[in-house]
Amino acid sequence: MRRKKGFSVIEIILVLGVIGILSSFIVPKVRDYLAMAKDSKVINTLQNLRVASETYYLEKGLYPWSGEDGTKMSTILEKLENYIGNKVKIGDGQEDLLLEIGGSKANPEDSITYGGKVKVEIENNKNDLYLEPVAPALEFNIRGEKWKEI
């Protein structure tokens, strides 16, 4: 009598168990890396807005938030369109520029709360832009840096 080729149910269950155990170690790290990538994208967007604002200032002699309607982010983005294109947009019916983040922390040592948004704000006394956490985002990013100080 010939033996049939193939795997037994026990062998398949063991392999699936090992894969499950290995993936339980990998999935949290992948989630952290994806969250850090989103945060890096937000920081990059802020830096691009800062460079565009400084370029605008060098060409026009004033910042894009100077003058009437200066604090409306939609107006600022219209003024900066020649410098950043139309990659940064405000959602329909919104006044603020909200950017989706990967995660945040209440304190640098705390665990990560995934998801959330930050708002781009203008610091007029310094003529600069900064990020303000919006609920449920917390004060620190995943790396433990304050959103407002980036």
N, C-alpha and C. Protein backbone atom coordinates (compact mmCIF):
# COMPACT_ATOMS: atom_id res chain seq x y z
N MET A 1 0.83 -1.16 0.00
CA MET A 1 0.00 0.00 0.00
C MET A 1 0.89 1.25 0.00
N ARG A 2 0.56 2.16 -0.87
CA ARG A 2 1.34 3.40 -0.99
C ARG A 2 0.80 4.45 -0.04
N ARG A 3 1.73 5.20 0.49
CA ARG A 3 1.33 6.28 1.37
C ARG A 3 1.03 7.51 0.53
N LYS A 4 -0.03 8.25 0.88
CA LYS A 4 -0.40 9.45 0.13
C LYS A 4 0.54 10.59 0.50
N LYS A 5 0.88 11.38 -0.50
CA LYS A 5 1.76 12.52 -0.27
C LYS A 5 0.91 13.70 0.23
N GLY A 6 1.54 14.54 1.04
CA GLY A 6 0.87 15.73 1.54
C GLY A 6 1.18 15.94 3.01
N PHE A 7 0.54 16.96 3.60
CA PHE A 7 0.78 17.31 4.98
C PHE A 7 -0.40 16.85 5.83
N SER A 8 -0.10 16.49 7.05
CA SER A 8 -1.17 16.12 7.98
C SER A 8 -1.75 17.40 8.58
N VAL A 9 -2.91 17.27 9.18
CA VAL A 9 -3.58 18.41 9.81
C VAL A 9 -2.71 18.96 10.94
N ILE A 10 -2.08 18.11 11.69
CA ILE A 10 -1.23 18.54 12.80
C ILE A 10 -0.05 19.37 12.29
N GLU A 11 0.57 18.95 11.20
CA GLU A 11 1.69 19.71 10.64
C GLU A 11 1.24 21.10 10.19
N ILE A 12 0.09 21.18 9.58
CA ILE A 12 -0.44 22.48 9.12
C ILE A 12 -0.74 23.37 10.31
N ILE A 13 -1.34 22.82 11.36
CA ILE A 13 -1.66 23.60 12.55
C ILE A 13 -0.38 24.11 13.22
N LEU A 14 0.65 23.28 13.29
CA LEU A 14 1.92 23.71 13.88
C LEU A 14 2.55 24.85 13.09
N VAL A 15 2.55 24.75 11.79
CA VAL A 15 3.11 25.82 10.94
C VAL A 15 2.32 27.11 11.13
N LEU A 16 1.00 27.03 11.15
CA LEU A 16 0.18 28.22 11.36
C LEU A 16 0.42 28.82 12.75
N GLY A 17 0.63 27.98 13.74
CA GLY A 17 0.94 28.47 15.08
C GLY A 17 2.26 29.22 15.13
N VAL A 18 3.28 28.67 14.48
CA VAL A 18 4.58 29.33 14.45
C VAL A 18 4.47 30.67 13.71
N ILE A 19 3.75 30.69 12.59
CA ILE A 19 3.55 31.94 11.85
C ILE A 19 2.82 32.95 12.71
N GLY A 20 1.82 32.52 13.45
CA GLY A 20 1.08 33.42 14.34
C GLY A 20 1.95 34.02 15.42
N ILE A 21 2.80 33.20 16.01
CA ILE A 21 3.70 33.68 17.07
C ILE A 21 4.70 34.68 16.50
N LEU A 22 5.27 34.39 15.35
CA LEU A 22 6.23 35.31 14.72
C LEU A 22 5.56 36.63 14.33
N SER A 23 4.34 36.55 13.80
CA SER A 23 3.67 37.78 13.39
C SER A 23 3.28 38.64 14.59
N SER A 24 3.08 38.03 15.76
CA SER A 24 2.75 38.83 16.94
C SER A 24 3.93 39.71 17.37
N PHE A 25 5.13 39.34 16.98
CA PHE A 25 6.30 40.17 17.26
C PHE A 25 6.50 41.24 16.20
N ILE A 26 6.12 40.95 14.98
CA ILE A 26 6.40 41.84 13.85
C ILE A 26 5.33 42.92 13.69
N VAL A 27 4.06 42.59 13.86
CA VAL A 27 2.97 43.53 13.58
C VAL A 27 3.07 44.82 14.40
N PRO A 28 3.34 44.78 15.71
CA PRO A 28 3.45 46.05 16.45
C PRO A 28 4.56 46.96 15.92
N LYS A 29 5.69 46.39 15.53
CA LYS A 29 6.79 47.20 14.99
C LYS A 29 6.39 47.83 13.66
N VAL A 30 5.72 47.06 12.82
CA VAL A 30 5.26 47.60 11.53
C VAL A 30 4.29 48.75 11.76
N ARG A 31 3.39 48.58 12.74
CA ARG A 31 2.43 49.64 13.06
C ARG A 31 3.17 50.91 13.51
N ASP A 32 4.20 50.75 14.35
CA ASP A 32 4.99 51.90 14.79
C ASP A 32 5.68 52.59 13.62
N TYR A 33 6.25 51.80 12.72
CA TYR A 33 6.95 52.38 11.56
C TYR A 33 5.98 53.12 10.64
N LEU A 34 4.78 52.58 10.45
CA LEU A 34 3.78 53.27 9.63
C LEU A 34 3.36 54.58 10.28
N ALA A 35 3.20 54.57 11.60
CA ALA A 35 2.84 55.79 12.32
C ALA A 35 3.96 56.83 12.22
N MET A 36 5.21 56.39 12.36
CA MET A 36 6.34 57.31 12.23
C MET A 36 6.43 57.90 10.82
N ALA A 37 6.07 57.11 9.82
CA ALA A 37 6.08 57.60 8.45
C ALA A 37 5.04 58.71 8.27
N LYS A 38 3.85 58.54 8.84
CA LYS A 38 2.83 59.59 8.76
C LYS A 38 3.29 60.85 9.46
N ASP A 39 3.91 60.67 10.63
CA ASP A 39 4.42 61.83 11.37
C ASP A 39 5.50 62.55 10.57
N SER A 40 6.37 61.80 9.93
CA SER A 40 7.43 62.40 9.11
C SER A 40 6.84 63.18 7.94
N LYS A 41 5.77 62.68 7.38
CA LYS A 41 5.10 63.38 6.28
C LYS A 41 4.53 64.72 6.76
N VAL A 42 3.94 64.73 7.95
CA VAL A 42 3.39 65.96 8.52
C VAL A 42 4.51 66.97 8.77
N ILE A 43 5.61 66.51 9.35
CA ILE A 43 6.74 67.40 9.63
C ILE A 43 7.32 67.94 8.34
N ASN A 44 7.40 67.10 7.33
CA ASN A 44 7.90 67.53 6.01
C ASN A 44 6.98 68.59 5.41
N THR A 45 5.68 68.41 5.54
CA THR A 45 4.72 69.40 5.04
C THR A 45 4.92 70.73 5.75
N LEU A 46 5.10 70.70 7.07
CA LEU A 46 5.34 71.92 7.84
C LEU A 46 6.61 72.61 7.36
N GLN A 47 7.67 71.85 7.15
CA GLN A 47 8.93 72.43 6.68
C GLN A 47 8.76 73.05 5.29
N ASN A 48 8.02 72.38 4.41
CA ASN A 48 7.77 72.93 3.08
C ASN A 48 7.00 74.24 3.16
N LEU A 49 6.02 74.32 4.06
CA LEU A 49 5.26 75.56 4.24
C LEU A 49 6.16 76.67 4.79
N ARG A 50 7.06 76.32 5.68
CA ARG A 50 7.98 77.32 6.23
C ARG A 50 8.91 77.86 5.15
N VAL A 51 9.47 76.97 4.34
CA VAL A 51 10.37 77.41 3.26
C VAL A 51 9.61 78.26 2.25
N ALA A 52 8.39 77.84 1.91
CA ALA A 52 7.59 78.62 0.96
C ALA A 52 7.26 79.99 1.54
N SER A 53 6.96 80.07 2.83
CA SER A 53 6.66 81.35 3.47
C SER A 53 7.86 82.28 3.46
N GLU A 54 9.04 81.72 3.73
CA GLU A 54 10.26 82.54 3.70
C GLU A 54 10.58 83.01 2.28
N THR A 55 10.37 82.15 1.31
CA THR A 55 10.59 82.54 -0.09
C THR A 55 9.61 83.65 -0.48
N TYR A 56 8.36 83.50 -0.07
CA TYR A 56 7.34 84.52 -0.32
C TYR A 56 7.77 85.84 0.31
N TYR A 57 8.28 85.77 1.55
CA TYR A 57 8.74 86.96 2.24
C TYR A 57 9.90 87.64 1.50
N LEU A 58 10.84 86.84 1.00
CA LEU A 58 11.98 87.40 0.28
C LEU A 58 11.54 88.09 -1.01
N GLU A 59 10.53 87.55 -1.67
CA GLU A 59 10.07 88.14 -2.93
C GLU A 59 9.13 89.31 -2.73
N LYS A 60 8.24 89.23 -1.74
CA LYS A 60 7.18 90.24 -1.57
C LYS A 60 7.45 91.24 -0.46
N GLY A 61 8.37 90.89 0.47
CA GLY A 61 8.66 91.81 1.57
C GLY A 61 7.72 91.67 2.75
N LEU A 62 6.80 90.73 2.71
CA LEU A 62 5.91 90.47 3.83
C LEU A 62 5.51 89.00 3.82
N TYR A 63 5.08 88.51 4.97
CA TYR A 63 4.70 87.11 5.06
C TYR A 63 3.30 86.90 4.49
N PRO A 64 2.99 85.71 4.04
CA PRO A 64 1.68 85.47 3.42
C PRO A 64 0.51 85.66 4.37
N TRP A 65 0.75 85.70 5.68
CA TRP A 65 -0.34 85.91 6.63
C TRP A 65 -0.45 87.37 7.05
N SER A 66 0.34 88.24 6.44
CA SER A 66 0.24 89.67 6.73
C SER A 66 -0.93 90.26 5.97
N GLY A 67 -1.54 91.28 6.55
CA GLY A 67 -2.63 91.98 5.87
C GLY A 67 -3.99 91.39 6.20
N GLU A 68 -4.98 91.79 5.39
CA GLU A 68 -6.36 91.33 5.60
C GLU A 68 -6.46 89.83 5.36
N ASP A 69 -7.32 89.20 6.10
CA ASP A 69 -7.53 87.74 6.02
C ASP A 69 -6.22 86.99 6.17
N GLY A 70 -5.29 87.57 6.92
CA GLY A 70 -3.97 86.99 7.03
C GLY A 70 -3.92 85.66 7.75
N THR A 71 -4.85 85.44 8.67
CA THR A 71 -4.80 84.21 9.44
C THR A 71 -5.65 83.09 8.83
N LYS A 72 -6.35 83.37 7.76
CA LYS A 72 -7.12 82.30 7.11
C LYS A 72 -6.16 81.41 6.33
N MET A 73 -6.13 80.15 6.69
CA MET A 73 -5.17 79.24 6.07
C MET A 73 -5.47 79.05 4.59
N SER A 74 -6.72 79.13 4.18
CA SER A 74 -7.03 78.99 2.75
C SER A 74 -6.40 80.12 1.94
N THR A 75 -6.43 81.33 2.48
CA THR A 75 -5.81 82.48 1.81
C THR A 75 -4.29 82.33 1.76
N ILE A 76 -3.72 81.86 2.85
CA ILE A 76 -2.27 81.66 2.90
C ILE A 76 -1.83 80.63 1.87
N LEU A 77 -2.57 79.52 1.78
CA LEU A 77 -2.22 78.48 0.81
C LEU A 77 -2.37 78.97 -0.63
N GLU A 78 -3.35 79.83 -0.88
CA GLU A 78 -3.49 80.43 -2.22
C GLU A 78 -2.26 81.27 -2.56
N LYS A 79 -1.79 82.06 -1.58
CA LYS A 79 -0.61 82.89 -1.81
C LYS A 79 0.65 82.05 -2.03
N LEU A 80 0.71 80.88 -1.39
CA LEU A 80 1.89 80.03 -1.47
C LEU A 80 1.81 79.00 -2.59
N GLU A 81 0.74 79.02 -3.36
CA GLU A 81 0.55 77.99 -4.39
C GLU A 81 1.69 77.96 -5.41
N ASN A 82 2.25 79.10 -5.74
CA ASN A 82 3.38 79.13 -6.69
C ASN A 82 4.64 78.48 -6.12
N TYR A 83 4.71 78.37 -4.81
CA TYR A 83 5.91 77.84 -4.16
C TYR A 83 5.77 76.37 -3.76
N ILE A 84 4.55 75.94 -3.45
CA ILE A 84 4.35 74.55 -3.02
C ILE A 84 3.39 73.79 -3.93
N GLY A 85 2.83 74.45 -4.92
CA GLY A 85 1.84 73.79 -5.77
C GLY A 85 0.54 73.62 -5.02
N ASN A 86 -0.27 72.71 -5.48
CA ASN A 86 -1.56 72.49 -4.80
C ASN A 86 -1.57 71.15 -4.06
N LYS A 87 -0.41 70.75 -3.56
CA LYS A 87 -0.30 69.48 -2.83
C LYS A 87 -0.93 69.57 -1.45
N VAL A 88 -0.87 70.75 -0.83
CA VAL A 88 -1.44 70.94 0.50
C VAL A 88 -2.79 71.61 0.33
N LYS A 89 -3.84 70.92 0.79
CA LYS A 89 -5.19 71.45 0.61
C LYS A 89 -5.97 71.38 1.91
N ILE A 90 -6.93 72.29 2.00
CA ILE A 90 -7.85 72.30 3.13
C ILE A 90 -9.12 71.58 2.69
N GLY A 91 -9.69 70.80 3.60
CA GLY A 91 -10.93 70.09 3.29
C GLY A 91 -12.09 71.04 3.05
N ASP A 92 -13.07 70.58 2.32
CA ASP A 92 -14.24 71.40 2.02
C ASP A 92 -14.94 71.86 3.31
N GLY A 93 -15.25 73.14 3.35
CA GLY A 93 -15.96 73.71 4.49
C GLY A 93 -15.10 73.89 5.73
N GLN A 94 -13.79 73.75 5.61
CA GLN A 94 -12.90 73.91 6.76
C GLN A 94 -12.09 75.20 6.63
N GLU A 95 -11.79 75.77 7.77
CA GLU A 95 -10.95 76.97 7.82
C GLU A 95 -9.49 76.62 8.13
N ASP A 96 -9.30 75.52 8.84
CA ASP A 96 -7.97 75.15 9.33
C ASP A 96 -7.33 74.10 8.43
N LEU A 97 -6.01 74.09 8.42
CA LEU A 97 -5.26 73.06 7.72
C LEU A 97 -4.96 71.95 8.72
N LEU A 98 -5.71 70.85 8.60
CA LEU A 98 -5.55 69.71 9.49
C LEU A 98 -4.76 68.63 8.78
N LEU A 99 -3.75 68.10 9.45
CA LEU A 99 -2.90 67.05 8.89
C LEU A 99 -3.02 65.81 9.76
N GLU A 100 -3.18 64.66 9.12
CA GLU A 100 -3.33 63.40 9.83
C GLU A 100 -1.98 62.87 10.28
N ILE A 101 -1.90 62.52 11.56
CA ILE A 101 -0.66 61.99 12.12
C ILE A 101 -0.80 60.50 12.39
N GLY A 102 0.33 59.85 12.58
CA GLY A 102 0.32 58.42 12.86
C GLY A 102 0.05 58.11 14.32
N GLY A 103 0.52 58.97 15.21
CA GLY A 103 0.32 58.74 16.62
C GLY A 103 0.92 59.85 17.45
N SER A 104 0.62 59.81 18.74
CA SER A 104 1.14 60.83 19.65
C SER A 104 1.20 60.25 21.06
N LYS A 105 1.78 61.03 21.96
CA LYS A 105 1.93 60.61 23.36
C LYS A 105 1.58 61.79 24.27
N ALA A 106 1.11 61.47 25.48
CA ALA A 106 0.86 62.51 26.47
C ALA A 106 2.17 63.00 27.07
N ASN A 107 3.09 62.08 27.28
CA ASN A 107 4.43 62.37 27.79
C ASN A 107 5.42 61.57 26.96
N PRO A 108 6.69 61.99 26.88
CA PRO A 108 7.66 61.27 26.06
C PRO A 108 7.81 59.79 26.42
N GLU A 109 7.57 59.44 27.69
CA GLU A 109 7.76 58.05 28.12
C GLU A 109 6.50 57.21 27.98
N ASP A 110 5.36 57.81 27.70
CA ASP A 110 4.08 57.09 27.63
C ASP A 110 3.99 56.21 26.40
N SER A 111 2.96 55.39 26.38
CA SER A 111 2.71 54.55 25.20
C SER A 111 2.06 55.39 24.11
N ILE A 112 2.10 54.88 22.90
CA ILE A 112 1.61 55.61 21.74
C ILE A 112 0.09 55.50 21.63
N THR A 113 -0.55 56.63 21.38
CA THR A 113 -1.96 56.65 21.01
C THR A 113 -1.98 56.85 19.50
N TYR A 114 -2.45 55.84 18.78
CA TYR A 114 -2.40 55.88 17.32
C TYR A 114 -3.51 56.75 16.76
N GLY A 115 -3.18 57.43 15.64
CA GLY A 115 -4.14 58.29 14.96
C GLY A 115 -4.14 59.69 15.53
N GLY A 116 -4.99 60.51 14.97
CA GLY A 116 -5.12 61.89 15.42
C GLY A 116 -4.78 62.88 14.32
N LYS A 117 -4.91 64.16 14.66
CA LYS A 117 -4.63 65.23 13.71
C LYS A 117 -3.92 66.36 14.42
N VAL A 118 -3.18 67.12 13.64
CA VAL A 118 -2.58 68.36 14.11
C VAL A 118 -3.00 69.48 13.15
N LYS A 119 -3.03 70.68 13.69
CA LYS A 119 -3.44 71.84 12.92
C LYS A 119 -2.24 72.75 12.74
N VAL A 120 -2.07 73.28 11.54
CA VAL A 120 -0.99 74.23 11.28
C VAL A 120 -1.46 75.60 11.75
N GLU A 121 -0.68 76.20 12.64
CA GLU A 121 -1.01 77.51 13.21
C GLU A 121 0.10 78.51 12.89
N ILE A 122 -0.23 79.78 13.01
CA ILE A 122 0.72 80.86 12.75
C ILE A 122 1.15 81.47 14.07
N GLU A 123 2.44 81.58 14.27
CA GLU A 123 3.00 82.24 15.44
C GLU A 123 3.47 83.62 14.98
N ASN A 124 2.56 84.59 15.07
CA ASN A 124 2.82 85.93 14.52
C ASN A 124 4.01 86.63 15.15
N ASN A 125 4.20 86.46 16.46
CA ASN A 125 5.32 87.18 17.08
C ASN A 125 6.67 86.67 16.60
N LYS A 126 6.70 85.46 16.03
CA LYS A 126 7.95 84.92 15.49
C LYS A 126 7.91 84.80 13.97
N ASN A 127 6.77 85.14 13.37
CA ASN A 127 6.58 84.96 11.93
C ASN A 127 6.95 83.54 11.51
N ASP A 128 6.32 82.58 12.16
CA ASP A 128 6.62 81.18 11.90
C ASP A 128 5.34 80.36 11.98
N LEU A 129 5.44 79.14 11.53
CA LEU A 129 4.33 78.20 11.59
C LEU A 129 4.67 77.10 12.60
N TYR A 130 3.65 76.58 13.25
CA TYR A 130 3.86 75.48 14.19
C TYR A 130 2.66 74.54 14.13
N LEU A 131 2.80 73.38 14.77
CA LEU A 131 1.75 72.36 14.78
C LEU A 131 1.06 72.36 16.14
N GLU A 132 -0.26 72.39 16.11
CA GLU A 132 -1.08 72.36 17.32
C GLU A 132 -1.87 71.05 17.32
N PRO A 133 -1.72 70.21 18.35
CA PRO A 133 -2.48 68.97 18.39
C PRO A 133 -3.98 69.23 18.49
N VAL A 134 -4.75 68.42 17.78
CA VAL A 134 -6.21 68.49 17.82
C VAL A 134 -6.69 67.15 18.36
N ALA A 135 -7.69 67.17 19.24
CA ALA A 135 -8.17 65.92 19.86
C ALA A 135 -8.44 64.88 18.80
N PRO A 136 -8.04 63.64 18.99
CA PRO A 136 -7.44 63.02 20.16
C PRO A 136 -5.92 63.04 20.17
N ALA A 137 -5.29 63.87 19.36
CA ALA A 137 -3.82 63.93 19.35
C ALA A 137 -3.33 64.49 20.68
N LEU A 138 -2.19 64.00 21.11
CA LEU A 138 -1.60 64.42 22.38
C LEU A 138 -0.41 65.35 22.13
N GLU A 139 0.16 65.87 23.19
CA GLU A 139 1.15 66.95 23.10
C GLU A 139 2.47 66.56 22.44
N PHE A 140 2.87 65.29 22.52
CA PHE A 140 4.16 64.84 21.99
C PHE A 140 3.96 63.91 20.80
N ASN A 141 4.93 63.92 19.87
CA ASN A 141 4.86 62.97 18.76
C ASN A 141 5.44 61.63 19.21
N ILE A 142 5.50 60.68 18.30
CA ILE A 142 5.95 59.33 18.64
C ILE A 142 7.39 59.33 19.14
N ARG A 143 8.21 60.22 18.63
CA ARG A 143 9.62 60.27 19.03
C ARG A 143 9.84 61.01 20.36
N GLY A 144 8.76 61.55 20.93
CA GLY A 144 8.86 62.24 22.21
C GLY A 144 9.13 63.73 22.09
N GLU A 145 8.96 64.31 20.90
CA GLU A 145 9.17 65.74 20.69
C GLU A 145 7.82 66.46 20.78
N LYS A 146 7.81 67.65 21.34
CA LYS A 146 6.57 68.42 21.39
C LYS A 146 6.17 68.85 19.99
N TRP A 147 4.89 68.66 19.65
CA TRP A 147 4.42 69.06 18.32
C TRP A 147 4.67 70.55 18.10
N LYS A 148 4.44 71.37 19.12
CA LYS A 148 4.56 72.83 18.97
C LYS A 148 6.00 73.29 18.77
N GLU A 149 6.97 72.45 19.11
CA GLU A 149 8.37 72.86 19.04
C GLU A 149 9.10 72.30 17.82
N ILE A 150 8.39 71.64 16.95
CA ILE A 150 9.01 71.05 15.76
C ILE A 150 9.22 72.13 14.73
